[in-house]
Amino acid sequence: MRLLFRFVVLPLLVLWVVRILLRSIFGGMNTQVAPKQVRPVPTTASAGGELKKDPVCGTYVSADTSVTKRINGQTVHFCSPACRDKYRAAS
């Protein structure tokens, strides 16, 4: 029993204590990569402009950046070319 303690348990305890000490000393040296900072995407639309409602999906879009189509003399605003095409196909 003493041989087991002397040659197995005691070295394992020593290694465990050394590991804890090394982790406490070098724990601040984390090798993980920090997540990328998300940068805001610059927009060409002016802040505050007039909002128009897309007749297909109901989304409000800026009149400056919307996709437009003239229908019966009126300008209709869409959030995307896909909504414009759906509106065109339905009419």
PDB file of N, CA and C in Angstrom:
ATOM      1  N   MET A   1       0.807  -1.182   0.000  1.00  0.00           N
ATOM      2  CA  MET A   1       0.000   0.000   0.000  1.00  0.00           C
ATOM      3  C   MET A   1       0.859   1.258   0.000  1.00  0.00           C
ATOM      4  N   ARG A   2       1.948   1.215   0.757  1.00  0.00           N
ATOM      5  CA  ARG A   2       2.850   2.362   0.794  1.00  0.00           C
ATOM      6  C   ARG A   2       3.508   2.587  -0.555  1.00  0.00           C
ATOM      7  N   LEU A   3       3.796   1.522  -1.264  1.00  0.00           N
ATOM      8  CA  LEU A   3       4.395   1.662  -2.592  1.00  0.00           C
ATOM      9  C   LEU A   3       3.416   2.335  -3.565  1.00  0.00           C
ATOM     10  N   LEU A   4       2.159   1.974  -3.461  1.00  0.00           N
ATOM     11  CA  LEU A   4       1.142   2.574  -4.307  1.00  0.00           C
ATOM     12  C   LEU A   4       1.053   4.078  -4.029  1.00  0.00           C
ATOM     13  N   PHE A   5       1.041   4.453  -2.779  1.00  0.00           N
ATOM     14  CA  PHE A   5       0.968   5.857  -2.409  1.00  0.00           C
ATOM     15  C   PHE A   5       2.220   6.608  -2.853  1.00  0.00           C
ATOM     16  N   ARG A   6       3.377   5.977  -2.627  1.00  0.00           N
ATOM     17  CA  ARG A   6       4.649   6.628  -2.915  1.00  0.00           C
ATOM     18  C   ARG A   6       4.892   6.804  -4.406  1.00  0.00           C
ATOM     19  N   PHE A   7       4.505   5.846  -5.250  1.00  0.00           N
ATOM     20  CA  PHE A   7       4.851   5.882  -6.667  1.00  0.00           C
ATOM     21  C   PHE A   7       3.680   6.263  -7.585  1.00  0.00           C
ATOM     22  N   VAL A   8       2.475   6.306  -7.070  1.00  0.00           N
ATOM     23  CA  VAL A   8       1.336   6.633  -7.927  1.00  0.00           C
ATOM     24  C   VAL A   8       0.584   7.869  -7.406  1.00  0.00           C
ATOM     25  N   VAL A   9       0.099   7.789  -6.185  1.00  0.00           N
ATOM     26  CA  VAL A   9      -0.759   8.844  -5.660  1.00  0.00           C
ATOM     27  C   VAL A   9       0.034  10.120  -5.412  1.00  0.00           C
ATOM     28  N   LEU A  10       1.174  10.015  -4.777  1.00  0.00           N
ATOM     29  CA  LEU A  10       1.969  11.202  -4.472  1.00  0.00           C
ATOM     30  C   LEU A  10       2.419  11.943  -5.732  1.00  0.00           C
ATOM     31  N   PRO A  11       2.961  11.280  -6.750  1.00  0.00           N
ATOM     32  CA  PRO A  11       3.328  12.019  -7.976  1.00  0.00           C
ATOM     33  C   PRO A  11       2.115  12.661  -8.670  1.00  0.00           C
ATOM     34  N   LEU A  12       0.965  11.998  -8.631  1.00  0.00           N
ATOM     35  CA  LEU A  12      -0.232  12.587  -9.227  1.00  0.00           C
ATOM     36  C   LEU A  12      -0.656  13.850  -8.483  1.00  0.00           C
ATOM     37  N   LEU A  13      -0.561  13.821  -7.152  1.00  0.00           N
ATOM     38  CA  LEU A  13      -0.885  15.006  -6.365  1.00  0.00           C
ATOM     39  C   LEU A  13       0.082  16.152  -6.658  1.00  0.00           C
ATOM     40  N   VAL A  14       1.347  15.836  -6.782  1.00  0.00           N
ATOM     41  CA  VAL A  14       2.351  16.864  -7.079  1.00  0.00           C
ATOM     42  C   VAL A  14       2.082  17.474  -8.458  1.00  0.00           C
ATOM     43  N   LEU A  15       1.808  16.635  -9.448  1.00  0.00           N
ATOM     44  CA  LEU A  15       1.517  17.140 -10.791  1.00  0.00           C
ATOM     45  C   LEU A  15       0.255  18.005 -10.795  1.00  0.00           C
ATOM     46  N   TRP A  16      -0.733  17.620 -10.032  1.00  0.00           N
ATOM     47  CA  TRP A  16      -1.977  18.378  -9.956  1.00  0.00           C
ATOM     48  C   TRP A  16      -1.730  19.761  -9.352  1.00  0.00           C
ATOM     49  N   VAL A  17      -0.927  19.818  -8.273  1.00  0.00           N
ATOM     50  CA  VAL A  17      -0.604  21.097  -7.639  1.00  0.00           C
ATOM     51  C   VAL A  17       0.219  21.970  -8.591  1.00  0.00           C
ATOM     52  N   VAL A  18       1.180  21.388  -9.290  1.00  0.00           N
ATOM     53  CA  VAL A  18       1.993  22.144 -10.255  1.00  0.00           C
ATOM     54  C   VAL A  18       1.105  22.692 -11.366  1.00  0.00           C
ATOM     55  N   ARG A  19       0.175  21.902 -11.822  1.00  0.00           N
ATOM     56  CA  ARG A  19      -0.750  22.336 -12.878  1.00  0.00           C
ATOM     57  C   ARG A  19      -1.590  23.522 -12.412  1.00  0.00           C
ATOM     58  N   ILE A  20      -2.097  23.456 -11.209  1.00  0.00           N
ATOM     59  CA  ILE A  20      -2.893  24.555 -10.659  1.00  0.00           C
ATOM     60  C   ILE A  20      -2.052  25.821 -10.557  1.00  0.00           C
ATOM     61  N   LEU A  21      -0.811  25.687 -10.098  1.00  0.00           N
ATOM     62  CA  LEU A  21       0.068  26.850  -9.981  1.00  0.00           C
ATOM     63  C   LEU A  21       0.378  27.457 -11.346  1.00  0.00           C
ATOM     64  N   LEU A  22       0.664  26.622 -12.315  1.00  0.00           N
ATOM     65  CA  LEU A  22       0.962  27.125 -13.653  1.00  0.00           C
ATOM     66  C   LEU A  22      -0.254  27.810 -14.283  1.00  0.00           C
ATOM     67  N   ARG A  23      -1.428  27.268 -14.053  1.00  0.00           N
ATOM     68  CA  ARG A  23      -2.646  27.890 -14.585  1.00  0.00           C
ATOM     69  C   ARG A  23      -2.899  29.244 -13.930  1.00  0.00           C
ATOM     70  N   SER A  24      -2.605  29.345 -12.627  1.00  0.00           N
ATOM     71  CA  SER A  24      -2.825  30.629 -11.969  1.00  0.00           C
ATOM     72  C   SER A  24      -1.806  31.663 -12.438  1.00  0.00           C
ATOM     73  N   ILE A  25      -0.595  31.242 -12.748  1.00  0.00           N
ATOM     74  CA  ILE A  25       0.438  32.172 -13.215  1.00  0.00           C
ATOM     75  C   ILE A  25       0.177  32.587 -14.657  1.00  0.00           C
ATOM     76  N   PHE A  26      -0.079  31.611 -15.535  1.00  0.00           N
ATOM     77  CA  PHE A  26      -0.214  31.881 -16.960  1.00  0.00           C
ATOM     78  C   PHE A  26      -1.663  31.931 -17.430  1.00  0.00           C
ATOM     79  N   GLY A  27      -2.584  31.964 -16.514  1.00  0.00           N
ATOM     80  CA  GLY A  27      -3.998  31.980 -16.884  1.00  0.00           C
ATOM     81  C   GLY A  27      -4.401  33.218 -17.657  1.00  0.00           C
ATOM     82  N   GLY A  28      -3.718  34.331 -17.448  1.00  0.00           N
ATOM     83  CA  GLY A  28      -4.031  35.557 -18.159  1.00  0.00           C
ATOM     84  C   GLY A  28      -3.613  35.525 -19.612  1.00  0.00           C
ATOM     85  N   MET A  29      -2.804  34.575 -19.990  1.00  0.00           N
ATOM     86  CA  MET A  29      -2.338  34.471 -21.369  1.00  0.00           C
ATOM     87  C   MET A  29      -3.278  33.573 -22.165  1.00  0.00           C
ATOM     88  N   ASN A  30      -4.475  34.047 -22.358  1.00  0.00           N
ATOM     89  CA  ASN A  30      -5.485  33.288 -23.086  1.00  0.00           C
ATOM     90  C   ASN A  30      -5.186  33.385 -24.579  1.00  0.00           C
ATOM     91  N   THR A  31      -5.184  32.263 -25.270  1.00  0.00           N
ATOM     92  CA  THR A  31      -4.851  32.251 -26.690  1.00  0.00           C
ATOM     93  C   THR A  31      -6.076  32.330 -27.576  1.00  0.00           C
ATOM     94  N   GLN A  32      -7.238  32.501 -27.018  1.00  0.00           N
ATOM     95  CA  GLN A  32      -8.432  32.594 -27.839  1.00  0.00           C
ATOM     96  C   GLN A  32      -8.451  33.923 -28.570  1.00  0.00           C
ATOM     97  N   VAL A  33      -8.987  33.897 -29.787  1.00  0.00           N
ATOM     98  CA  VAL A  33      -9.083  35.096 -30.596  1.00  0.00           C
ATOM     99  C   VAL A  33     -10.335  35.860 -30.180  1.00  0.00           C
ATOM    100  N   ALA A  34     -10.178  37.135 -29.973  1.00  0.00           N
ATOM    101  CA  ALA A  34     -11.322  37.969 -29.603  1.00  0.00           C
ATOM    102  C   ALA A  34     -12.274  38.093 -30.779  1.00  0.00           C
ATOM    103  N   PRO A  35     -13.571  38.156 -30.526  1.00  0.00           N
ATOM    104  CA  PRO A  35     -14.518  38.300 -31.635  1.00  0.00           C
ATOM    105  C   PRO A  35     -14.307  39.621 -32.360  1.00  0.00           C
ATOM    106  N   LYS A  36     -14.601  39.614 -33.652  1.00  0.00           N
ATOM    107  CA  LYS A  36     -14.418  40.811 -34.457  1.00  0.00           C
ATOM    108  C   LYS A  36     -15.418  41.884 -34.037  1.00  0.00           C
ATOM    109  N   GLN A  37     -14.945  43.102 -34.079  1.00  0.00           N
ATOM    110  CA  GLN A  37     -15.811  44.232 -33.794  1.00  0.00           C
ATOM    111  C   GLN A  37     -16.725  44.438 -34.997  1.00  0.00           C
ATOM    112  N   VAL A  38     -17.997  44.637 -34.740  1.00  0.00           N
ATOM    113  CA  VAL A  38     -18.939  44.896 -35.811  1.00  0.00           C
ATOM    114  C   VAL A  38     -18.959  46.386 -36.074  1.00  0.00           C
ATOM    115  N   ARG A  39     -18.646  46.742 -37.303  1.00  0.00           N
ATOM    116  CA  ARG A  39     -18.628  48.151 -37.669  1.00  0.00           C
ATOM    117  C   ARG A  39     -19.937  48.498 -38.360  1.00  0.00           C
ATOM    118  N   PRO A  40     -20.481  49.657 -38.075  1.00  0.00           N
ATOM    119  CA  PRO A  40     -21.717  50.045 -38.756  1.00  0.00           C
ATOM    120  C   PRO A  40     -21.460  50.265 -40.239  1.00  0.00           C
ATOM    121  N   VAL A  41     -22.414  49.836 -41.045  1.00  0.00           N
ATOM    122  CA  VAL A  41     -22.311  49.995 -42.485  1.00  0.00           C
ATOM    123  C   VAL A  41     -22.771  51.403 -42.843  1.00  0.00           C
ATOM    124  N   PRO A  42     -21.925  52.146 -43.550  1.00  0.00           N
ATOM    125  CA  PRO A  42     -22.350  53.491 -43.908  1.00  0.00           C
ATOM    126  C   PRO A  42     -23.484  53.435 -44.931  1.00  0.00           C
ATOM    127  N   THR A  43     -24.467  54.271 -44.752  1.00  0.00           N
ATOM    128  CA  THR A  43     -25.588  54.307 -45.676  1.00  0.00           C
ATOM    129  C   THR A  43     -25.579  55.621 -46.431  1.00  0.00           C
ATOM    130  N   THR A  44     -26.127  55.575 -47.615  1.00  0.00           N
ATOM    131  CA  THR A  44     -26.201  56.789 -48.417  1.00  0.00           C
ATOM    132  C   THR A  44     -27.511  57.526 -48.187  1.00  0.00           C
ATOM    133  N   ALA A  45     -28.439  56.905 -47.461  1.00  0.00           N
ATOM    134  CA  ALA A  45     -29.729  57.535 -47.205  1.00  0.00           C
ATOM    135  C   ALA A  45     -29.579  58.619 -46.150  1.00  0.00           C
ATOM    136  N   SER A  46     -30.333  59.657 -46.329  1.00  0.00           N
ATOM    137  CA  SER A  46     -30.294  60.717 -45.331  1.00  0.00           C
ATOM    138  C   SER A  46     -31.119  60.303 -44.127  1.00  0.00           C
ATOM    139  N   ALA A  47     -30.665  60.728 -42.975  1.00  0.00           N
ATOM    140  CA  ALA A  47     -31.395  60.391 -41.752  1.00  0.00           C
ATOM    141  C   ALA A  47     -32.677  61.185 -41.714  1.00  0.00           C
ATOM    142  N   GLY A  48     -33.731  60.546 -41.300  1.00  0.00           N
ATOM    143  CA  GLY A  48     -35.012  61.228 -41.153  1.00  0.00           C
ATOM    144  C   GLY A  48     -35.808  61.318 -42.429  1.00  0.00           C
ATOM    145  N   GLY A  49     -35.633  60.943 -43.554  1.00  0.00           N
ATOM    146  CA  GLY A  49     -36.447  61.221 -44.733  1.00  0.00           C
ATOM    147  C   GLY A  49     -37.862  60.680 -44.641  1.00  0.00           C
ATOM    148  N   GLU A  50     -38.596  60.917 -45.680  1.00  0.00           N
ATOM    149  CA  GLU A  50     -39.996  60.488 -45.733  1.00  0.00           C
ATOM    150  C   GLU A  50     -40.070  58.981 -45.935  1.00  0.00           C
ATOM    151  N   LEU A  51     -40.983  58.322 -45.205  1.00  0.00           N
ATOM    152  CA  LEU A  51     -41.154  56.879 -45.316  1.00  0.00           C
ATOM    153  C   LEU A  51     -42.382  56.566 -46.163  1.00  0.00           C
ATOM    154  N   LYS A  52     -42.251  55.553 -46.984  1.00  0.00           N
ATOM    155  CA  LYS A  52     -43.341  55.083 -47.825  1.00  0.00           C
ATOM    156  C   LYS A  52     -43.590  53.614 -47.508  1.00  0.00           C
ATOM    157  N   LYS A  53     -44.850  53.200 -47.600  1.00  0.00           N
ATOM    158  CA  LYS A  53     -45.206  51.818 -47.284  1.00  0.00           C
ATOM    159  C   LYS A  53     -45.193  50.985 -48.561  1.00  0.00           C
ATOM    160  N   ASP A  54     -44.471  49.865 -48.501  1.00  0.00           N
ATOM    161  CA  ASP A  54     -44.442  48.919 -49.616  1.00  0.00           C
ATOM    162  C   ASP A  54     -45.820  48.256 -49.704  1.00  0.00           C
ATOM    163  N   PRO A  55     -46.499  48.312 -50.864  1.00  0.00           N
ATOM    164  CA  PRO A  55     -47.839  47.734 -50.958  1.00  0.00           C
ATOM    165  C   PRO A  55     -47.854  46.205 -50.933  1.00  0.00           C
ATOM    166  N   VAL A  56     -46.723  45.566 -51.140  1.00  0.00           N
ATOM    167  CA  VAL A  56     -46.681  44.100 -51.175  1.00  0.00           C
ATOM    168  C   VAL A  56     -46.474  43.518 -49.785  1.00  0.00           C
ATOM    169  N   CYS A  57     -45.406  43.934 -49.099  1.00  0.00           N
ATOM    170  CA  CYS A  57     -45.080  43.325 -47.803  1.00  0.00           C
ATOM    171  C   CYS A  57     -45.397  44.222 -46.613  1.00  0.00           C
ATOM    172  N   GLY A  58     -45.701  45.495 -46.869  1.00  0.00           N
ATOM    173  CA  GLY A  58     -46.066  46.397 -45.785  1.00  0.00           C
ATOM    174  C   GLY A  58     -44.894  47.030 -45.058  1.00  0.00           C
ATOM    175  N   THR A  59     -43.693  46.811 -45.539  1.00  0.00           N
ATOM    176  CA  THR A  59     -42.510  47.398 -44.921  1.00  0.00           C
ATOM    177  C   THR A  59     -42.440  48.883 -45.249  1.00  0.00           C
ATOM    178  N   TYR A  60     -42.050  49.689 -44.276  1.00  0.00           N
ATOM    179  CA  TYR A  60     -41.837  51.106 -44.528  1.00  0.00           C
ATOM    180  C   TYR A  60     -40.394  51.315 -44.977  1.00  0.00           C
ATOM    181  N   VAL A  61     -40.245  52.002 -46.100  1.00  0.00           N
ATOM    182  CA  VAL A  61     -38.913  52.248 -46.655  1.00  0.00           C
ATOM    183  C   VAL A  61     -38.736  53.737 -46.882  1.00  0.00           C
ATOM    184  N   SER A  62     -37.491  54.160 -46.869  1.00  0.00           N
ATOM    185  CA  SER A  62     -37.176  55.555 -47.128  1.00  0.00           C
ATOM    186  C   SER A  62     -37.480  55.862 -48.590  1.00  0.00           C
ATOM    187  N   ALA A  63     -38.089  56.991 -48.844  1.00  0.00           N
ATOM    188  CA  ALA A  63     -38.406  57.382 -50.215  1.00  0.00           C
ATOM    189  C   ALA A  63     -37.128  57.583 -51.026  1.00  0.00           C
ATOM    190  N   ASP A  64     -36.024  57.925 -50.341  1.00  0.00           N
ATOM    191  CA  ASP A  64     -34.756  58.149 -51.045  1.00  0.00           C
ATOM    192  C   ASP A  64     -34.120  56.858 -51.537  1.00  0.00           C
ATOM    193  N   THR A  65     -34.312  55.771 -50.821  1.00  0.00           N
ATOM    194  CA  THR A  65     -33.621  54.522 -51.170  1.00  0.00           C
ATOM    195  C   THR A  65     -34.547  53.446 -51.707  1.00  0.00           C
ATOM    196  N   SER A  66     -35.821  53.730 -51.839  1.00  0.00           N
ATOM    197  CA  SER A  66     -36.763  52.691 -52.271  1.00  0.00           C
ATOM    198  C   SER A  66     -36.656  52.429 -53.767  1.00  0.00           C
ATOM    199  N   VAL A  67     -37.130  51.252 -54.157  1.00  0.00           N
ATOM    200  CA  VAL A  67     -37.255  50.900 -55.566  1.00  0.00           C
ATOM    201  C   VAL A  67     -38.607  51.443 -56.008  1.00  0.00           C
ATOM    202  N   THR A  68     -38.625  52.247 -57.065  1.00  0.00           N
ATOM    203  CA  THR A  68     -39.870  52.905 -57.465  1.00  0.00           C
ATOM    204  C   THR A  68     -40.354  52.414 -58.816  1.00  0.00           C
ATOM    205  N   LYS A  69     -41.657  52.577 -59.020  1.00  0.00           N
ATOM    206  CA  LYS A  69     -42.266  52.264 -60.311  1.00  0.00           C
ATOM    207  C   LYS A  69     -43.435  53.223 -60.489  1.00  0.00           C
ATOM    208  N   ARG A  70     -43.555  53.778 -61.690  1.00  0.00           N
ATOM    209  CA  ARG A  70     -44.676  54.676 -61.997  1.00  0.00           C
ATOM    210  C   ARG A  70     -45.834  53.836 -62.506  1.00  0.00           C
ATOM    211  N   ILE A  71     -46.979  53.941 -61.816  1.00  0.00           N
ATOM    212  CA  ILE A  71     -48.183  53.196 -62.182  1.00  0.00           C
ATOM    213  C   ILE A  71     -49.337  54.192 -62.233  1.00  0.00           C
ATOM    214  N   ASN A  72     -49.944  54.305 -63.403  1.00  0.00           N
ATOM    215  CA  ASN A  72     -51.065  55.235 -63.611  1.00  0.00           C
ATOM    216  C   ASN A  72     -50.728  56.657 -63.161  1.00  0.00           C
ATOM    217  N   GLY A  73     -49.526  57.107 -63.454  1.00  0.00           N
ATOM    218  CA  GLY A  73     -49.132  58.461 -63.113  1.00  0.00           C
ATOM    219  C   GLY A  73     -48.690  58.652 -61.673  1.00  0.00           C
ATOM    220  N   GLN A  74     -48.755  57.619 -60.853  1.00  0.00           N
ATOM    221  CA  GLN A  74     -48.315  57.721 -59.455  1.00  0.00           C
ATOM    222  C   GLN A  74     -47.046  56.908 -59.254  1.00  0.00           C
ATOM    223  N   THR A  75     -46.187  57.404 -58.387  1.00  0.00           N
ATOM    224  CA  THR A  75     -44.967  56.679 -58.046  1.00  0.00           C
ATOM    225  C   THR A  75     -45.262  55.763 -56.866  1.00  0.00           C
ATOM    226  N   VAL A  76     -44.996  54.471 -57.061  1.00  0.00           N
ATOM    227  CA  VAL A  76     -45.199  53.475 -56.001  1.00  0.00           C
ATOM    228  C   VAL A  76     -43.813  53.057 -55.510  1.00  0.00           C
ATOM    229  N   HIS A  77     -43.651  52.971 -54.199  1.00  0.00           N
ATOM    230  CA  HIS A  77     -42.350  52.658 -53.585  1.00  0.00           C
ATOM    231  C   HIS A  77     -42.349  51.221 -53.079  1.00  0.00           C
ATOM    232  N   PHE A  78     -41.247  50.513 -53.336  1.00  0.00           N
ATOM    233  CA  PHE A  78     -41.081  49.119 -52.917  1.00  0.00           C
ATOM    234  C   PHE A  78     -39.780  48.994 -52.136  1.00  0.00           C
ATOM    235  N   CYS A  79     -39.742  47.987 -51.243  1.00  0.00           N
ATOM    236  CA  CYS A  79     -38.528  47.777 -50.441  1.00  0.00           C
ATOM    237  C   CYS A  79     -37.442  47.059 -51.233  1.00  0.00           C
ATOM    238  N   SER A  80     -37.834  46.312 -52.273  1.00  0.00           N
ATOM    239  CA  SER A  80     -36.849  45.544 -53.030  1.00  0.00           C
ATOM    240  C   SER A  80     -37.373  45.287 -54.443  1.00  0.00           C
ATOM    241  N   PRO A  81     -36.484  44.917 -55.352  1.00  0.00           N
ATOM    242  CA  PRO A  81     -36.938  44.548 -56.697  1.00  0.00           C
ATOM    243  C   PRO A  81     -37.868  43.330 -56.684  1.00  0.00           C
ATOM    244  N   ALA A  82     -37.695  42.435 -55.706  1.00  0.00           N
ATOM    245  CA  ALA A  82     -38.564  41.251 -55.625  1.00  0.00           C
ATOM    246  C   ALA A  82     -40.010  41.661 -55.344  1.00  0.00           C
ATOM    247  N   CYS A  83     -40.212  42.617 -54.418  1.00  0.00           N
ATOM    248  CA  CYS A  83     -41.574  43.090 -54.136  1.00  0.00           C
ATOM    249  C   CYS A  83     -42.144  43.821 -55.344  1.00  0.00           C
ATOM    250  N   ARG A  84     -41.300  44.581 -56.030  1.00  0.00           N
ATOM    251  CA  ARG A  84     -41.765  45.267 -57.239  1.00  0.00           C
ATOM    252  C   ARG A  84     -42.243  44.269 -58.283  1.00  0.00           C
ATOM    253  N   ASP A  85     -41.472  43.197 -58.456  1.00  0.00           N
ATOM    254  CA  ASP A  85     -41.846  42.170 -59.440  1.00  0.00           C
ATOM    255  C   ASP A  85     -43.115  41.423 -59.032  1.00  0.00           C
ATOM    256  N   LYS A  86     -43.288  41.174 -57.740  1.00  0.00           N
ATOM    257  CA  LYS A  86     -44.525  40.520 -57.266  1.00  0.00           C
ATOM    258  C   LYS A  86     -45.727  41.413 -57.539  1.00  0.00           C
ATOM    259  N   TYR A  87     -45.570  42.713 -57.297  1.00  0.00           N
ATOM    260  CA  TYR A  87     -46.660  43.666 -57.542  1.00  0.00           C
ATOM    261  C   TYR A  87     -46.988  43.720 -59.030  1.00  0.00           C
ATOM    262  N   ARG A  88     -45.952  43.725 -59.846  1.00  0.00           N
ATOM    263  CA  ARG A  88     -46.121  43.775 -61.300  1.00  0.00           C
ATOM    264  C   ARG A  88     -46.846  42.506 -61.777  1.00  0.00           C
ATOM    265  N   ALA A  89     -46.501  41.345 -61.229  1.00  0.00           N
ATOM    266  CA  ALA A  89     -47.116  40.085 -61.642  1.00  0.00           C
ATOM    267  C   ALA A  89     -48.574  40.003 -61.188  1.00  0.00           C
ATOM    268  N   ALA A  90     -48.895  40.623 -60.051  1.00  0.00           N
ATOM    269  CA  ALA A  90     -50.267  40.558 -59.522  1.00  0.00           C
ATOM    270  C   ALA A  90     -51.199  41.513 -60.258  1.00  0.00           C
ATOM    271  N   SER A  91     -50.655  42.557 -60.854  1.00  0.00           N
ATOM    272  CA  SER A  91     -51.544  43.530 -61.507  1.00  0.00           C
ATOM    273  C   SER A  91     -51.704  43.269 -62.984  1.00  0.00           C
TER     274      SER A  91
END
